[in-house]
Full PDB file with SEQRES, HELIX, SHEET, SSBOND, CRYST1, ORIGX, SCALE, CONECT and MASTER records, all heavy atoms in Angstrom:
SEQRES   1 A   35  PRO TYR VAL ALA PRO SER ARG PHE PHE ASP ARG TYR PRO          
SEQRES   2 A   35  PRO THR GLY VAL GLU LEU ALA VAL VAL PRO PRO GLY ASP          
SEQRES   3 A   35  ARG GLU ASN LYS PRO VAL ALA ALA LEU                          
HELIX    1 AA1 SER A    6  ASP A   10  1                                   5    
HELIX    2 AA2 PRO A   14  GLY A   16  5                                   3    
HELIX    3 AA3 ARG A   27  ASN A   29  5                                   3    
HELIX    4 AA4 VAL A   32  ALA A   34  5                                   3    
CRYST1    1.000    1.000    1.000  90.00  90.00  90.00 P 1           1          
ORIGX1      1.000000  0.000000  0.000000        0.00000                         
ORIGX2      0.000000  1.000000  0.000000        0.00000                         
ORIGX3      0.000000  0.000000  1.000000        0.00000                         
SCALE1      1.000000  0.000000  0.000000        0.00000                         
SCALE2      0.000000  1.000000  0.000000        0.00000                         
SCALE3      0.000000  0.000000  1.000000        0.00000                         
ATOM      1  N   PRO A   1      35.127 -17.886  -4.470  1.00  0.00           N  
ATOM      2  CA  PRO A   1      34.587 -16.682  -5.030  1.00  0.00           C  
ATOM      3  C   PRO A   1      33.761 -16.886  -6.317  1.00  0.00           C  
ATOM      4  O   PRO A   1      33.976 -17.874  -6.959  1.00  0.00           O  
ATOM      5  CB  PRO A   1      35.886 -15.902  -5.409  1.00  0.00           C  
ATOM      6  CG  PRO A   1      36.918 -16.924  -5.646  1.00  0.00           C  
ATOM      7  CD  PRO A   1      36.515 -18.047  -4.715  1.00  0.00           C  
ATOM      8  N   TYR A   2      32.826 -16.001  -6.562  1.00  0.00           N  
ATOM      9  CA  TYR A   2      31.896 -16.179  -7.679  1.00  0.00           C  
ATOM     10  C   TYR A   2      32.591 -15.812  -8.991  1.00  0.00           C  
ATOM     11  O   TYR A   2      32.546 -14.650  -9.428  1.00  0.00           O  
ATOM     12  CB  TYR A   2      30.663 -15.347  -7.464  1.00  0.00           C  
ATOM     13  CG  TYR A   2      29.932 -15.635  -6.184  1.00  0.00           C  
ATOM     14  CD1 TYR A   2      29.536 -14.548  -5.387  1.00  0.00           C  
ATOM     15  CD2 TYR A   2      29.708 -16.908  -5.769  1.00  0.00           C  
ATOM     16  CE1 TYR A   2      28.858 -14.808  -4.159  1.00  0.00           C  
ATOM     17  CE2 TYR A   2      29.037 -17.164  -4.515  1.00  0.00           C  
ATOM     18  CZ  TYR A   2      28.658 -16.159  -3.787  1.00  0.00           C  
ATOM     19  OH  TYR A   2      27.984 -16.349  -2.617  1.00  0.00           O  
ATOM     20  N   VAL A   3      33.245 -16.757  -9.595  1.00  0.00           N  
ATOM     21  CA  VAL A   3      33.979 -16.545 -10.862  1.00  0.00           C  
ATOM     22  C   VAL A   3      33.243 -17.295 -11.951  1.00  0.00           C  
ATOM     23  O   VAL A   3      32.896 -18.417 -11.898  1.00  0.00           O  
ATOM     24  CB  VAL A   3      35.396 -17.177 -10.699  1.00  0.00           C  
ATOM     25  CG1 VAL A   3      36.150 -16.965 -12.075  1.00  0.00           C  
ATOM     26  CG2 VAL A   3      36.177 -16.494  -9.567  1.00  0.00           C  
ATOM     27  N   ALA A   4      32.984 -16.409 -13.038  1.00  0.00           N  
ATOM     28  CA  ALA A   4      32.294 -16.934 -14.203  1.00  0.00           C  
ATOM     29  C   ALA A   4      32.606 -15.946 -15.314  1.00  0.00           C  
ATOM     30  O   ALA A   4      32.870 -14.780 -15.055  1.00  0.00           O  
ATOM     31  CB  ALA A   4      30.837 -17.129 -14.028  1.00  0.00           C  
ATOM     32  N   PRO A   5      32.494 -16.373 -16.651  1.00  0.00           N  
ATOM     33  CA  PRO A   5      32.626 -15.377 -17.711  1.00  0.00           C  
ATOM     34  C   PRO A   5      31.585 -14.239 -17.607  1.00  0.00           C  
ATOM     35  O   PRO A   5      30.472 -14.520 -17.091  1.00  0.00           O  
ATOM     36  CB  PRO A   5      32.371 -16.269 -18.955  1.00  0.00           C  
ATOM     37  CG  PRO A   5      32.811 -17.638 -18.574  1.00  0.00           C  
ATOM     38  CD  PRO A   5      32.434 -17.764 -17.097  1.00  0.00           C  
ATOM     39  N   SER A   6      31.937 -13.087 -18.049  1.00  0.00           N  
ATOM     40  CA  SER A   6      31.045 -11.899 -17.888  1.00  0.00           C  
ATOM     41  C   SER A   6      29.645 -12.070 -18.434  1.00  0.00           C  
ATOM     42  O   SER A   6      28.687 -11.524 -17.999  1.00  0.00           O  
ATOM     43  CB  SER A   6      31.740 -10.689 -18.427  1.00  0.00           C  
ATOM     44  OG  SER A   6      31.959 -10.884 -19.824  1.00  0.00           O  
ATOM     45  N   ARG A   7      29.547 -12.927 -19.520  1.00  0.00           N  
ATOM     46  CA  ARG A   7      28.202 -13.078 -20.120  1.00  0.00           C  
ATOM     47  C   ARG A   7      27.267 -13.688 -19.150  1.00  0.00           C  
ATOM     48  O   ARG A   7      26.015 -13.463 -19.379  1.00  0.00           O  
ATOM     49  CB  ARG A   7      28.350 -13.906 -21.436  1.00  0.00           C  
ATOM     50  CG  ARG A   7      28.888 -15.320 -21.292  1.00  0.00           C  
ATOM     51  CD  ARG A   7      29.139 -15.964 -22.648  1.00  0.00           C  
ATOM     52  NE  ARG A   7      29.811 -17.249 -22.475  1.00  0.00           N  
ATOM     53  CZ  ARG A   7      29.150 -18.387 -22.413  1.00  0.00           C  
ATOM     54  NH1 ARG A   7      27.871 -18.385 -22.414  1.00  0.00           N  
ATOM     55  NH2 ARG A   7      29.811 -19.515 -22.273  1.00  0.00           N  
ATOM     56  N   PHE A   8      27.720 -14.400 -18.136  1.00  0.00           N  
ATOM     57  CA  PHE A   8      26.742 -14.984 -17.236  1.00  0.00           C  
ATOM     58  C   PHE A   8      26.279 -13.935 -16.173  1.00  0.00           C  
ATOM     59  O   PHE A   8      25.193 -13.966 -15.759  1.00  0.00           O  
ATOM     60  CB  PHE A   8      27.390 -16.188 -16.510  1.00  0.00           C  
ATOM     61  CG  PHE A   8      27.627 -17.367 -17.433  1.00  0.00           C  
ATOM     62  CD1 PHE A   8      28.841 -17.604 -18.015  1.00  0.00           C  
ATOM     63  CD2 PHE A   8      26.613 -18.223 -17.765  1.00  0.00           C  
ATOM     64  CE1 PHE A   8      29.052 -18.753 -18.893  1.00  0.00           C  
ATOM     65  CE2 PHE A   8      26.711 -19.279 -18.603  1.00  0.00           C  
ATOM     66  CZ  PHE A   8      27.970 -19.564 -19.142  1.00  0.00           C  
ATOM     67  N   PHE A   9      27.256 -13.049 -15.876  1.00  0.00           N  
ATOM     68  CA  PHE A   9      26.848 -11.922 -14.966  1.00  0.00           C  
ATOM     69  C   PHE A   9      25.884 -11.036 -15.690  1.00  0.00           C  
ATOM     70  O   PHE A   9      24.906 -10.439 -15.092  1.00  0.00           O  
ATOM     71  CB  PHE A   9      28.085 -11.096 -14.622  1.00  0.00           C  
ATOM     72  CG  PHE A   9      28.906 -11.807 -13.511  1.00  0.00           C  
ATOM     73  CD1 PHE A   9      29.754 -12.756 -13.749  1.00  0.00           C  
ATOM     74  CD2 PHE A   9      28.791 -11.358 -12.169  1.00  0.00           C  
ATOM     75  CE1 PHE A   9      30.509 -13.472 -12.757  1.00  0.00           C  
ATOM     76  CE2 PHE A   9      29.539 -11.945 -11.163  1.00  0.00           C  
ATOM     77  CZ  PHE A   9      30.353 -12.935 -11.467  1.00  0.00           C  
ATOM     78  N   ASP A  10      26.034 -10.896 -17.004  1.00  0.00           N  
ATOM     79  CA  ASP A  10      25.107 -10.013 -17.766  1.00  0.00           C  
ATOM     80  C   ASP A  10      23.661 -10.432 -17.693  1.00  0.00           C  
ATOM     81  O   ASP A  10      22.744  -9.702 -17.902  1.00  0.00           O  
ATOM     82  CB  ASP A  10      25.598  -9.852 -19.235  1.00  0.00           C  
ATOM     83  CG  ASP A  10      26.901  -9.204 -19.335  1.00  0.00           C  
ATOM     84  OD1 ASP A  10      27.288  -8.491 -18.411  1.00  0.00           O  
ATOM     85  OD2 ASP A  10      27.564  -9.339 -20.378  1.00  0.00           O  
ATOM     86  N   ARG A  11      23.466 -11.674 -17.455  1.00  0.00           N  
ATOM     87  CA  ARG A  11      22.043 -12.194 -17.408  1.00  0.00           C  
ATOM     88  C   ARG A  11      21.300 -11.697 -16.195  1.00  0.00           C  
ATOM     89  O   ARG A  11      20.084 -11.710 -16.142  1.00  0.00           O  
ATOM     90  CB  ARG A  11      22.077 -13.706 -17.323  1.00  0.00           C  
ATOM     91  CG  ARG A  11      22.657 -14.502 -18.535  1.00  0.00           C  
ATOM     92  CD  ARG A  11      22.588 -15.979 -18.312  1.00  0.00           C  
ATOM     93  NE  ARG A  11      23.206 -16.690 -19.500  1.00  0.00           N  
ATOM     94  CZ  ARG A  11      23.249 -18.043 -19.537  1.00  0.00           C  
ATOM     95  NH1 ARG A  11      22.606 -18.747 -18.589  1.00  0.00           N  
ATOM     96  NH2 ARG A  11      23.856 -18.646 -20.578  1.00  0.00           N  
ATOM     97  N   TYR A  12      22.069 -11.282 -15.128  1.00  0.00           N  
ATOM     98  CA  TYR A  12      21.415 -10.915 -13.900  1.00  0.00           C  
ATOM     99  C   TYR A  12      21.870  -9.570 -13.457  1.00  0.00           C  
ATOM    100  O   TYR A  12      22.731  -9.408 -12.544  1.00  0.00           O  
ATOM    101  CB  TYR A  12      21.820 -11.976 -12.825  1.00  0.00           C  
ATOM    102  CG  TYR A  12      21.512 -13.353 -13.247  1.00  0.00           C  
ATOM    103  CD1 TYR A  12      22.618 -14.269 -13.669  1.00  0.00           C  
ATOM    104  CD2 TYR A  12      20.258 -13.890 -13.200  1.00  0.00           C  
ATOM    105  CE1 TYR A  12      22.307 -15.529 -14.058  1.00  0.00           C  
ATOM    106  CE2 TYR A  12      20.004 -15.243 -13.627  1.00  0.00           C  
ATOM    107  CZ  TYR A  12      21.065 -15.977 -14.040  1.00  0.00           C  
ATOM    108  OH  TYR A  12      20.779 -17.287 -14.444  1.00  0.00           O  
ATOM    109  N   PRO A  13      21.352  -8.547 -14.025  1.00  0.00           N  
ATOM    110  CA  PRO A  13      21.667  -7.068 -13.570  1.00  0.00           C  
ATOM    111  C   PRO A  13      21.361  -6.915 -12.108  1.00  0.00           C  
ATOM    112  O   PRO A  13      20.240  -7.346 -11.646  1.00  0.00           O  
ATOM    113  CB  PRO A  13      20.764  -6.275 -14.436  1.00  0.00           C  
ATOM    114  CG  PRO A  13      20.400  -7.080 -15.617  1.00  0.00           C  
ATOM    115  CD  PRO A  13      20.380  -8.509 -15.188  1.00  0.00           C  
ATOM    116  N   PRO A  14      22.268  -6.377 -11.336  1.00  0.00           N  
ATOM    117  CA  PRO A  14      22.004  -6.186  -9.920  1.00  0.00           C  
ATOM    118  C   PRO A  14      20.692  -5.514  -9.581  1.00  0.00           C  
ATOM    119  O   PRO A  14      20.081  -5.830  -8.562  1.00  0.00           O  
ATOM    120  CB  PRO A  14      23.269  -5.390  -9.429  1.00  0.00           C  
ATOM    121  CG  PRO A  14      24.281  -5.693 -10.460  1.00  0.00           C  
ATOM    122  CD  PRO A  14      23.604  -5.831 -11.734  1.00  0.00           C  
ATOM    123  N   THR A  15      20.381  -4.501 -10.376  1.00  0.00           N  
ATOM    124  CA  THR A  15      19.132  -3.760 -10.063  1.00  0.00           C  
ATOM    125  C   THR A  15      17.926  -4.623 -10.195  1.00  0.00           C  
ATOM    126  O   THR A  15      16.850  -4.335  -9.596  1.00  0.00           O  
ATOM    127  CB  THR A  15      19.015  -2.552 -10.925  1.00  0.00           C  
ATOM    128  OG1 THR A  15      19.076  -2.944 -12.300  1.00  0.00           O  
ATOM    129  CG2 THR A  15      20.064  -1.519 -10.688  1.00  0.00           C  
ATOM    130  N   GLY A  16      17.983  -5.805 -10.876  1.00  0.00           N  
ATOM    131  CA  GLY A  16      16.846  -6.648 -11.071  1.00  0.00           C  
ATOM    132  C   GLY A  16      16.875  -7.868 -10.135  1.00  0.00           C  
ATOM    133  O   GLY A  16      15.887  -8.607 -10.109  1.00  0.00           O  
ATOM    134  N   VAL A  17      17.838  -7.889  -9.220  1.00  0.00           N  
ATOM    135  CA  VAL A  17      17.952  -9.070  -8.334  1.00  0.00           C  
ATOM    136  C   VAL A  17      17.079  -8.810  -7.157  1.00  0.00           C  
ATOM    137  O   VAL A  17      16.988  -7.720  -6.575  1.00  0.00           O  
ATOM    138  CB  VAL A  17      19.440  -9.178  -7.831  1.00  0.00           C  
ATOM    139  CG1 VAL A  17      19.485 -10.157  -6.695  1.00  0.00           C  
ATOM    140  CG2 VAL A  17      20.307  -9.612  -8.939  1.00  0.00           C  
ATOM    141  N   GLU A  18      16.300  -9.822  -6.697  1.00  0.00           N  
ATOM    142  CA  GLU A  18      15.395  -9.765  -5.632  1.00  0.00           C  
ATOM    143  C   GLU A  18      16.095 -10.162  -4.351  1.00  0.00           C  
ATOM    144  O   GLU A  18      16.723 -11.165  -4.229  1.00  0.00           O  
ATOM    145  CB  GLU A  18      14.201 -10.644  -5.828  1.00  0.00           C  
ATOM    146  CG  GLU A  18      13.120 -10.553  -4.776  1.00  0.00           C  
ATOM    147  CD  GLU A  18      11.924 -11.403  -5.043  1.00  0.00           C  
ATOM    148  OE1 GLU A  18      11.771 -11.842  -6.250  1.00  0.00           O  
ATOM    149  OE2 GLU A  18      11.108 -11.654  -4.134  1.00  0.00           O  
ATOM    150  N   LEU A  19      16.041  -9.261  -3.344  1.00  0.00           N  
ATOM    151  CA  LEU A  19      16.655  -9.503  -2.002  1.00  0.00           C  
ATOM    152  C   LEU A  19      15.771 -10.329  -1.137  1.00  0.00           C  
ATOM    153  O   LEU A  19      14.513 -10.240  -1.182  1.00  0.00           O  
ATOM    154  CB  LEU A  19      17.070  -8.219  -1.353  1.00  0.00           C  
ATOM    155  CG  LEU A  19      18.031  -7.364  -2.100  1.00  0.00           C  
ATOM    156  CD1 LEU A  19      18.241  -5.974  -1.316  1.00  0.00           C  
ATOM    157  CD2 LEU A  19      19.378  -7.982  -2.321  1.00  0.00           C  
ATOM    158  N   ALA A  20      16.406 -11.114  -0.265  1.00  0.00           N  
ATOM    159  CA  ALA A  20      15.651 -11.848   0.678  1.00  0.00           C  
ATOM    160  C   ALA A  20      14.923 -10.943   1.647  1.00  0.00           C  
ATOM    161  O   ALA A  20      15.380  -9.831   2.052  1.00  0.00           O  
ATOM    162  CB  ALA A  20      16.501 -12.824   1.508  1.00  0.00           C  
ATOM    163  N   VAL A  21      13.721 -11.368   2.197  1.00  0.00           N  
ATOM    164  CA  VAL A  21      12.955 -10.615   3.122  1.00  0.00           C  
ATOM    165  C   VAL A  21      13.297 -11.106   4.517  1.00  0.00           C  
ATOM    166  O   VAL A  21      13.265 -12.348   4.797  1.00  0.00           O  
ATOM    167  CB  VAL A  21      11.464 -10.805   2.858  1.00  0.00           C  
ATOM    168  CG1 VAL A  21      10.626 -10.059   3.949  1.00  0.00           C  
ATOM    169  CG2 VAL A  21      11.099 -10.271   1.468  1.00  0.00           C  
ATOM    170  N   VAL A  22      13.674 -10.182   5.372  1.00  0.00           N  
ATOM    171  CA  VAL A  22      13.983 -10.467   6.865  1.00  0.00           C  
ATOM    172  C   VAL A  22      13.048  -9.637   7.655  1.00  0.00           C  
ATOM    173  O   VAL A  22      13.377  -8.529   7.973  1.00  0.00           O  
ATOM    174  CB  VAL A  22      15.396 -10.260   7.170  1.00  0.00           C  
ATOM    175  CG1 VAL A  22      15.649 -10.736   8.614  1.00  0.00           C  
ATOM    176  CG2 VAL A  22      16.396 -10.983   6.202  1.00  0.00           C  
ATOM    177  N   PRO A  23      11.895 -10.207   7.961  1.00  0.00           N  
ATOM    178  CA  PRO A  23      10.931  -9.347   8.741  1.00  0.00           C  
ATOM    179  C   PRO A  23      11.327  -9.017  10.142  1.00  0.00           C  
ATOM    180  O   PRO A  23      12.211  -9.781  10.746  1.00  0.00           O  
ATOM    181  CB  PRO A  23       9.625 -10.264   8.719  1.00  0.00           C  
ATOM    182  CG  PRO A  23      10.133 -11.625   8.623  1.00  0.00           C  
ATOM    183  CD  PRO A  23      11.439 -11.494   7.783  1.00  0.00           C  
ATOM    184  N   PRO A  24      10.835  -7.984  10.747  1.00  0.00           N  
ATOM    185  CA  PRO A  24      11.163  -7.663  12.154  1.00  0.00           C  
ATOM    186  C   PRO A  24      10.856  -8.857  13.096  1.00  0.00           C  
ATOM    187  O   PRO A  24       9.837  -9.483  12.904  1.00  0.00           O  
ATOM    188  CB  PRO A  24      10.311  -6.442  12.420  1.00  0.00           C  
ATOM    189  CG  PRO A  24       9.977  -5.838  11.109  1.00  0.00           C  
ATOM    190  CD  PRO A  24       9.852  -6.970  10.185  1.00  0.00           C  
ATOM    191  N   GLY A  25      11.812  -9.181  13.908  1.00  0.00           N  
ATOM    192  CA  GLY A  25      11.606 -10.185  14.878  1.00  0.00           C  
ATOM    193  C   GLY A  25      11.995 -11.572  14.445  1.00  0.00           C  
ATOM    194  O   GLY A  25      12.009 -12.559  15.215  1.00  0.00           O  
ATOM    195  N   ASP A  26      12.341 -11.698  13.231  1.00  0.00           N  
ATOM    196  CA  ASP A  26      12.784 -13.044  12.634  1.00  0.00           C  
ATOM    197  C   ASP A  26      13.887 -13.630  13.465  1.00  0.00           C  
ATOM    198  O   ASP A  26      13.907 -14.819  13.809  1.00  0.00           O  
ATOM    199  CB  ASP A  26      13.150 -12.850  11.200  1.00  0.00           C  
ATOM    200  CG  ASP A  26      13.697 -14.120  10.572  1.00  0.00           C  
ATOM    201  OD1 ASP A  26      13.181 -15.187  10.838  1.00  0.00           O  
ATOM    202  OD2 ASP A  26      14.799 -14.094   9.859  1.00  0.00           O  
ATOM    203  N   ARG A  27      14.989 -12.861  13.641  1.00  0.00           N  
ATOM    204  CA  ARG A  27      16.163 -13.436  14.335  1.00  0.00           C  
ATOM    205  C   ARG A  27      15.950 -13.486  15.861  1.00  0.00           C  
ATOM    206  O   ARG A  27      16.620 -14.328  16.521  1.00  0.00           O  
ATOM    207  CB  ARG A  27      17.390 -12.548  14.008  1.00  0.00           C  
ATOM    208  CG  ARG A  27      17.859 -12.683  12.570  1.00  0.00           C  
ATOM    209  CD  ARG A  27      18.835 -11.596  12.224  1.00  0.00           C  
ATOM    210  NE  ARG A  27      20.065 -11.761  13.036  1.00  0.00           N  
ATOM    211  CZ  ARG A  27      21.174 -12.363  12.693  1.00  0.00           C  
ATOM    212  NH1 ARG A  27      21.184 -13.025  11.529  1.00  0.00           N  
ATOM    213  NH2 ARG A  27      22.224 -12.434  13.469  1.00  0.00           N  
ATOM    214  N   GLU A  28      15.084 -12.647  16.432  1.00  0.00           N  
ATOM    215  CA  GLU A  28      14.931 -12.520  17.890  1.00  0.00           C  
ATOM    216  C   GLU A  28      14.297 -13.831  18.410  1.00  0.00           C  
ATOM    217  O   GLU A  28      14.516 -14.171  19.592  1.00  0.00           O  
ATOM    218  CB  GLU A  28      14.089 -11.342  18.247  1.00  0.00           C  
ATOM    219  CG  GLU A  28      14.795 -10.048  18.190  1.00  0.00           C  
ATOM    220  CD  GLU A  28      15.183  -9.590  16.841  1.00  0.00           C  
ATOM    221  OE1 GLU A  28      14.540 -10.029  15.831  1.00  0.00           O  
ATOM    222  OE2 GLU A  28      16.129  -8.729  16.703  1.00  0.00           O  
ATOM    223  N   ASN A  29      13.542 -14.590  17.563  1.00  0.00           N  
ATOM    224  CA  ASN A  29      12.867 -15.833  18.137  1.00  0.00           C  
ATOM    225  C   ASN A  29      13.696 -17.113  17.849  1.00  0.00           C  
ATOM    226  O   ASN A  29      13.187 -18.178  18.043  1.00  0.00           O  
ATOM    227  CB  ASN A  29      11.507 -15.959  17.592  1.00  0.00           C  
ATOM    228  CG  ASN A  29      11.403 -16.188  16.053  1.00  0.00           C  
ATOM    229  OD1 ASN A  29      12.060 -17.052  15.531  1.00  0.00           O  
ATOM    230  ND2 ASN A  29      10.678 -15.344  15.327  1.00  0.00           N  
ATOM    231  N   LYS A  30      14.941 -16.864  17.529  1.00  0.00           N  
ATOM    232  CA  LYS A  30      15.837 -18.068  17.211  1.00  0.00           C  
ATOM    233  C   LYS A  30      17.018 -18.054  18.248  1.00  0.00           C  
ATOM    234  O   LYS A  30      17.544 -17.001  18.574  1.00  0.00           O  
ATOM    235  CB  LYS A  30      16.310 -17.973  15.729  1.00  0.00           C  
ATOM    236  CG  LYS A  30      15.181 -18.112  14.744  1.00  0.00           C  
ATOM    237  CD  LYS A  30      15.556 -17.753  13.401  1.00  0.00           C  
ATOM    238  CE  LYS A  30      14.380 -18.042  12.401  1.00  0.00           C  
ATOM    239  NZ  LYS A  30      13.158 -17.243  12.717  1.00  0.00           N  
ATOM    240  N   PRO A  31      17.508 -19.279  18.476  1.00  0.00           N  
ATOM    241  CA  PRO A  31      18.765 -19.411  19.401  1.00  0.00           C  
ATOM    242  C   PRO A  31      19.929 -18.731  18.789  1.00  0.00           C  
ATOM    243  O   PRO A  31      20.094 -18.728  17.545  1.00  0.00           O  
ATOM    244  CB  PRO A  31      18.927 -20.890  19.581  1.00  0.00           C  
ATOM    245  CG  PRO A  31      17.646 -21.527  19.165  1.00  0.00           C  
ATOM    246  CD  PRO A  31      17.036 -20.622  18.138  1.00  0.00           C  
ATOM    247  N   VAL A  32      20.794 -18.136  19.615  1.00  0.00           N  
ATOM    248  CA  VAL A  32      22.020 -17.537  19.125  1.00  0.00           C  
ATOM    249  C   VAL A  32      22.840 -18.582  18.332  1.00  0.00           C  
ATOM    250  O   VAL A  32      23.402 -18.229  17.261  1.00  0.00           O  
ATOM    251  CB  VAL A  32      22.846 -16.961  20.264  1.00  0.00           C  
ATOM    252  CG1 VAL A  32      24.216 -16.541  19.780  1.00  0.00           C  
ATOM    253  CG2 VAL A  32      22.080 -15.829  20.869  1.00  0.00           C  
ATOM    254  N   ALA A  33      22.943 -19.824  18.745  1.00  0.00           N  
ATOM    255  CA  ALA A  33      23.669 -20.864  18.067  1.00  0.00           C  
ATOM    256  C   ALA A  33      23.172 -21.078  16.648  1.00  0.00           C  
ATOM    257  O   ALA A  33      23.932 -21.580  15.822  1.00  0.00           O  
ATOM    258  CB  ALA A  33      23.652 -22.125  18.864  1.00  0.00           C  
ATOM    259  N   ALA A  34      21.960 -20.749  16.329  1.00  0.00           N  
ATOM    260  CA  ALA A  34      21.390 -21.024  15.044  1.00  0.00           C  
ATOM    261  C   ALA A  34      21.812 -20.038  14.027  1.00  0.00           C  
ATOM    262  O   ALA A  34      21.668 -20.243  12.813  1.00  0.00           O  
ATOM    263  CB  ALA A  34      19.854 -20.997  15.110  1.00  0.00           C  
ATOM    264  N   LEU A  35      22.318 -18.884  14.465  1.00  0.00           N  
ATOM    265  CA  LEU A  35      22.570 -17.734  13.566  1.00  0.00           C  
ATOM    266  C   LEU A  35      24.102 -17.722  13.203  1.00  0.00           C  
ATOM    267  O   LEU A  35      24.865 -17.063  13.931  1.00  0.00           O  
ATOM    268  CB  LEU A  35      22.077 -16.454  14.140  1.00  0.00           C  
ATOM    269  CG  LEU A  35      20.575 -16.409  14.503  1.00  0.00           C  
ATOM    270  CD1 LEU A  35      20.271 -15.189  15.300  1.00  0.00           C  
ATOM    271  CD2 LEU A  35      19.783 -16.511  13.238  1.00  0.00           C  
TER     272      LEU A  35                                                      
MASTER        0    0    0    4    0    0    0    6  271    1    0    3          
END                                                                             
């Protein structure tokens, strides 16, 4: 689990976190075993 003193969490407000981009079709062209 992501355990650390709160001051480290304060550096990265959730609203400012950038989410990964998963474009349409990304998973469809990959083998099931890969996912």
